[in-house]
Amino acid sequence: MSESSVKDTIEQTADAQLDLRGTPCPINFVRTKIRLEQMESGQLLEVWLDAGEPIEQVPDSLVMAGYGLEALVDCQDYFILQVRSS
């Protein structure tokens, strides 16, 4: 991931959580984007993603869509991504 400011620890409690483990690409990105659009500006969404294609594609796609990534944590079986709504 190219975003060097993304933390590898969770320091903030998310306003909402989305468990997308087992959800294939690009559906996981679409569901994340829809949920972010439903949130108020500045709120924090926590997304749980599988290793492999989901964690390789979704964060970069969110950055390209203009969202700010706050944290990305490797939990061994899955990843936790925190993203800020705009």
N, C-alpha and C. Protein backbone atom coordinates (compact mmCIF):
# COMPACT_ATOMS: atom_id res chain seq x y z
N MET A 1 0.84 -1.17 0.00
CA MET A 1 0.00 0.00 0.00
C MET A 1 0.89 1.24 0.00
N SER A 2 0.55 2.18 -0.79
CA SER A 2 1.39 3.35 -0.98
C SER A 2 1.15 4.44 0.06
N GLU A 3 0.11 4.38 0.81
CA GLU A 3 -0.24 5.42 1.78
C GLU A 3 0.60 5.25 3.05
N SER A 4 1.67 6.03 3.17
CA SER A 4 2.61 5.86 4.28
C SER A 4 2.07 6.36 5.61
N SER A 5 1.02 7.17 5.61
CA SER A 5 0.47 7.70 6.85
C SER A 5 -0.54 6.77 7.51
N VAL A 6 -0.83 5.64 6.90
CA VAL A 6 -1.79 4.70 7.47
C VAL A 6 -1.15 3.99 8.65
N LYS A 7 -1.86 3.99 9.79
CA LYS A 7 -1.34 3.36 11.00
C LYS A 7 -1.59 1.86 10.97
N ASP A 8 -0.77 1.11 11.71
CA ASP A 8 -0.96 -0.33 11.79
C ASP A 8 -1.55 -0.74 13.14
N THR A 9 -2.15 0.23 13.84
CA THR A 9 -2.86 -0.04 15.09
C THR A 9 -4.17 0.74 15.09
N ILE A 10 -5.14 0.19 15.78
CA ILE A 10 -6.44 0.84 15.91
C ILE A 10 -6.38 1.77 17.12
N GLU A 11 -6.55 3.05 16.89
CA GLU A 11 -6.48 4.02 17.99
C GLU A 11 -7.82 4.70 18.24
N GLN A 12 -8.77 4.52 17.33
CA GLN A 12 -10.06 5.19 17.46
C GLN A 12 -11.18 4.17 17.33
N THR A 13 -12.26 4.42 18.05
CA THR A 13 -13.44 3.58 17.93
C THR A 13 -14.21 4.02 16.70
N ALA A 14 -14.56 3.06 15.87
CA ALA A 14 -15.28 3.37 14.64
C ALA A 14 -16.74 3.71 14.92
N ASP A 15 -17.31 4.54 14.06
CA ASP A 15 -18.73 4.89 14.15
C ASP A 15 -19.61 3.77 13.61
N ALA A 16 -19.06 2.97 12.70
CA ALA A 16 -19.80 1.85 12.11
C ALA A 16 -18.80 0.76 11.72
N GLN A 17 -19.32 -0.47 11.61
CA GLN A 17 -18.46 -1.60 11.26
C GLN A 17 -19.12 -2.39 10.13
N LEU A 18 -18.28 -2.90 9.22
CA LEU A 18 -18.76 -3.66 8.07
C LEU A 18 -17.89 -4.90 7.93
N ASP A 19 -18.46 -6.08 8.14
CA ASP A 19 -17.71 -7.33 8.04
C ASP A 19 -17.90 -7.88 6.62
N LEU A 20 -16.85 -7.76 5.80
CA LEU A 20 -16.92 -8.21 4.41
C LEU A 20 -16.04 -9.43 4.16
N ARG A 21 -15.72 -10.16 5.23
CA ARG A 21 -14.95 -11.39 5.04
C ARG A 21 -15.80 -12.36 4.24
N GLY A 22 -15.18 -12.97 3.23
CA GLY A 22 -15.90 -13.89 2.35
C GLY A 22 -16.59 -13.20 1.18
N THR A 23 -16.51 -11.89 1.11
CA THR A 23 -17.13 -11.12 0.01
C THR A 23 -16.08 -10.87 -1.07
N PRO A 24 -16.37 -11.27 -2.31
CA PRO A 24 -15.37 -11.12 -3.39
C PRO A 24 -15.28 -9.69 -3.92
N CYS A 25 -14.18 -9.41 -4.61
CA CYS A 25 -14.01 -8.14 -5.33
C CYS A 25 -14.83 -8.19 -6.60
N PRO A 26 -15.40 -7.13 -7.07
CA PRO A 26 -15.38 -5.78 -6.51
C PRO A 26 -16.56 -5.50 -5.58
N ILE A 27 -17.33 -6.54 -5.22
CA ILE A 27 -18.52 -6.33 -4.38
C ILE A 27 -18.14 -5.72 -3.03
N ASN A 28 -16.99 -6.14 -2.47
CA ASN A 28 -16.60 -5.59 -1.17
C ASN A 28 -16.30 -4.09 -1.27
N PHE A 29 -15.70 -3.64 -2.36
CA PHE A 29 -15.45 -2.21 -2.55
C PHE A 29 -16.77 -1.46 -2.71
N VAL A 30 -17.67 -2.01 -3.50
CA VAL A 30 -18.97 -1.35 -3.74
C VAL A 30 -19.74 -1.22 -2.42
N ARG A 31 -19.78 -2.27 -1.62
CA ARG A 31 -20.49 -2.22 -0.34
C ARG A 31 -19.84 -1.22 0.62
N THR A 32 -18.52 -1.16 0.61
CA THR A 32 -17.82 -0.19 1.45
C THR A 32 -18.15 1.23 1.03
N LYS A 33 -18.11 1.48 -0.26
CA LYS A 33 -18.39 2.83 -0.78
C LYS A 33 -19.83 3.24 -0.48
N ILE A 34 -20.78 2.34 -0.65
CA ILE A 34 -22.18 2.64 -0.36
C ILE A 34 -22.35 2.99 1.12
N ARG A 35 -21.71 2.20 1.99
CA ARG A 35 -21.81 2.46 3.44
C ARG A 35 -21.20 3.82 3.79
N LEU A 36 -20.06 4.14 3.20
CA LEU A 36 -19.42 5.43 3.45
C LEU A 36 -20.30 6.59 3.00
N GLU A 37 -21.00 6.42 1.88
CA GLU A 37 -21.89 7.46 1.36
C GLU A 37 -23.09 7.68 2.26
N GLN A 38 -23.46 6.66 3.05
CA GLN A 38 -24.60 6.76 3.97
C GLN A 38 -24.21 7.44 5.28
N MET A 39 -22.91 7.55 5.53
CA MET A 39 -22.42 8.11 6.78
C MET A 39 -22.25 9.62 6.69
N GLU A 40 -22.26 10.27 7.84
CA GLU A 40 -22.01 11.70 7.87
C GLU A 40 -20.53 11.97 7.62
N SER A 41 -20.23 13.11 7.07
CA SER A 41 -18.86 13.50 6.77
C SER A 41 -18.00 13.45 8.03
N GLY A 42 -16.83 12.82 7.90
CA GLY A 42 -15.89 12.74 9.01
C GLY A 42 -16.04 11.53 9.90
N GLN A 43 -17.10 10.75 9.70
CA GLN A 43 -17.27 9.55 10.53
C GLN A 43 -16.28 8.47 10.09
N LEU A 44 -16.03 7.53 11.01
CA LEU A 44 -15.04 6.48 10.79
C LEU A 44 -15.74 5.13 10.60
N LEU A 45 -15.41 4.46 9.49
CA LEU A 45 -15.95 3.14 9.18
C LEU A 45 -14.84 2.11 9.33
N GLU A 46 -15.15 1.03 10.04
CA GLU A 46 -14.21 -0.08 10.17
C GLU A 46 -14.69 -1.22 9.27
N VAL A 47 -13.81 -1.68 8.39
CA VAL A 47 -14.15 -2.73 7.42
C VAL A 47 -13.23 -3.91 7.65
N TRP A 48 -13.82 -5.10 7.74
CA TRP A 48 -13.04 -6.33 7.87
C TRP A 48 -12.94 -6.98 6.50
N LEU A 49 -11.71 -7.21 6.04
CA LEU A 49 -11.47 -7.75 4.70
C LEU A 49 -10.57 -8.98 4.76
N ASP A 50 -10.76 -9.85 3.79
CA ASP A 50 -9.91 -11.04 3.65
C ASP A 50 -8.55 -10.64 3.08
N ALA A 51 -7.58 -11.52 3.29
CA ALA A 51 -6.26 -11.37 2.68
C ALA A 51 -6.39 -11.60 1.17
N GLY A 52 -5.33 -11.31 0.45
CA GLY A 52 -5.32 -11.52 -1.00
C GLY A 52 -5.92 -10.34 -1.73
N GLU A 53 -6.70 -10.64 -2.76
CA GLU A 53 -7.25 -9.59 -3.61
C GLU A 53 -8.03 -8.51 -2.86
N PRO A 54 -8.89 -8.86 -1.87
CA PRO A 54 -9.63 -7.79 -1.18
C PRO A 54 -8.72 -6.75 -0.53
N ILE A 55 -7.71 -7.17 0.21
CA ILE A 55 -6.86 -6.20 0.89
C ILE A 55 -5.90 -5.51 -0.08
N GLU A 56 -5.64 -6.13 -1.21
CA GLU A 56 -4.79 -5.51 -2.23
C GLU A 56 -5.55 -4.46 -3.04
N GLN A 57 -6.85 -4.67 -3.24
CA GLN A 57 -7.62 -3.81 -4.13
C GLN A 57 -8.45 -2.74 -3.42
N VAL A 58 -9.14 -3.11 -2.35
CA VAL A 58 -10.11 -2.19 -1.72
C VAL A 58 -9.45 -0.92 -1.18
N PRO A 59 -8.36 -1.00 -0.39
CA PRO A 59 -7.77 0.25 0.11
C PRO A 59 -7.34 1.21 -1.00
N ASP A 60 -6.68 0.69 -2.02
CA ASP A 60 -6.24 1.55 -3.13
C ASP A 60 -7.43 2.16 -3.86
N SER A 61 -8.49 1.39 -4.04
CA SER A 61 -9.70 1.90 -4.71
C SER A 61 -10.36 2.99 -3.89
N LEU A 62 -10.36 2.85 -2.56
CA LEU A 62 -10.93 3.87 -1.69
C LEU A 62 -10.13 5.16 -1.76
N VAL A 63 -8.81 5.06 -1.77
CA VAL A 63 -7.95 6.24 -1.88
C VAL A 63 -8.22 6.94 -3.21
N MET A 64 -8.32 6.16 -4.29
CA MET A 64 -8.59 6.75 -5.61
C MET A 64 -9.95 7.43 -5.65
N ALA A 65 -10.90 6.94 -4.81
CA ALA A 65 -12.24 7.53 -4.75
C ALA A 65 -12.28 8.74 -3.82
N GLY A 66 -11.15 9.06 -3.18
CA GLY A 66 -11.07 10.27 -2.37
C GLY A 66 -11.26 10.08 -0.88
N TYR A 67 -11.28 8.85 -0.40
CA TYR A 67 -11.45 8.60 1.03
C TYR A 67 -10.10 8.52 1.73
N GLY A 68 -10.09 8.88 3.01
CA GLY A 68 -8.87 8.85 3.80
C GLY A 68 -8.76 7.60 4.63
N LEU A 69 -7.68 6.86 4.47
CA LEU A 69 -7.45 5.66 5.26
C LEU A 69 -6.81 6.06 6.58
N GLU A 70 -7.35 5.55 7.67
CA GLU A 70 -6.86 5.88 9.00
C GLU A 70 -5.96 4.78 9.57
N ALA A 71 -6.34 3.52 9.35
CA ALA A 71 -5.56 2.41 9.91
C ALA A 71 -5.77 1.16 9.08
N LEU A 72 -4.75 0.31 9.08
CA LEU A 72 -4.82 -0.99 8.42
C LEU A 72 -4.07 -1.97 9.31
N VAL A 73 -4.81 -2.93 9.88
CA VAL A 73 -4.24 -3.85 10.86
C VAL A 73 -4.36 -5.28 10.35
N ASP A 74 -3.26 -6.01 10.38
CA ASP A 74 -3.21 -7.41 9.99
C ASP A 74 -3.57 -8.25 11.22
N CYS A 75 -4.71 -8.92 11.16
CA CYS A 75 -5.16 -9.78 12.27
C CYS A 75 -4.91 -11.25 11.96
N GLN A 76 -4.01 -11.55 11.09
CA GLN A 76 -3.59 -12.87 10.63
C GLN A 76 -4.63 -13.55 9.74
N ASP A 77 -5.87 -13.73 10.21
CA ASP A 77 -6.89 -14.37 9.39
C ASP A 77 -7.65 -13.38 8.50
N TYR A 78 -7.57 -12.11 8.83
CA TYR A 78 -8.26 -11.06 8.08
C TYR A 78 -7.58 -9.73 8.39
N PHE A 79 -8.02 -8.67 7.74
CA PHE A 79 -7.48 -7.33 7.95
C PHE A 79 -8.59 -6.39 8.42
N ILE A 80 -8.23 -5.45 9.27
CA ILE A 80 -9.15 -4.39 9.67
C ILE A 80 -8.68 -3.11 9.00
N LEU A 81 -9.57 -2.50 8.27
CA LEU A 81 -9.29 -1.24 7.58
C LEU A 81 -10.22 -0.19 8.17
N GLN A 82 -9.66 0.93 8.60
CA GLN A 82 -10.48 2.06 9.05
C GLN A 82 -10.38 3.16 8.02
N VAL A 83 -11.53 3.64 7.58
CA VAL A 83 -11.59 4.65 6.52
C VAL A 83 -12.54 5.76 6.96
N ARG A 84 -12.18 6.99 6.64
CA ARG A 84 -12.93 8.17 7.05
C ARG A 84 -13.86 8.58 5.91
N SER A 85 -15.14 8.80 6.24
CA SER A 85 -16.10 9.26 5.23
C SER A 85 -15.81 10.71 4.87
N SER A 86 -16.17 11.09 3.65
CA SER A 86 -15.88 12.46 3.22
C SER A 86 -17.16 13.27 3.08
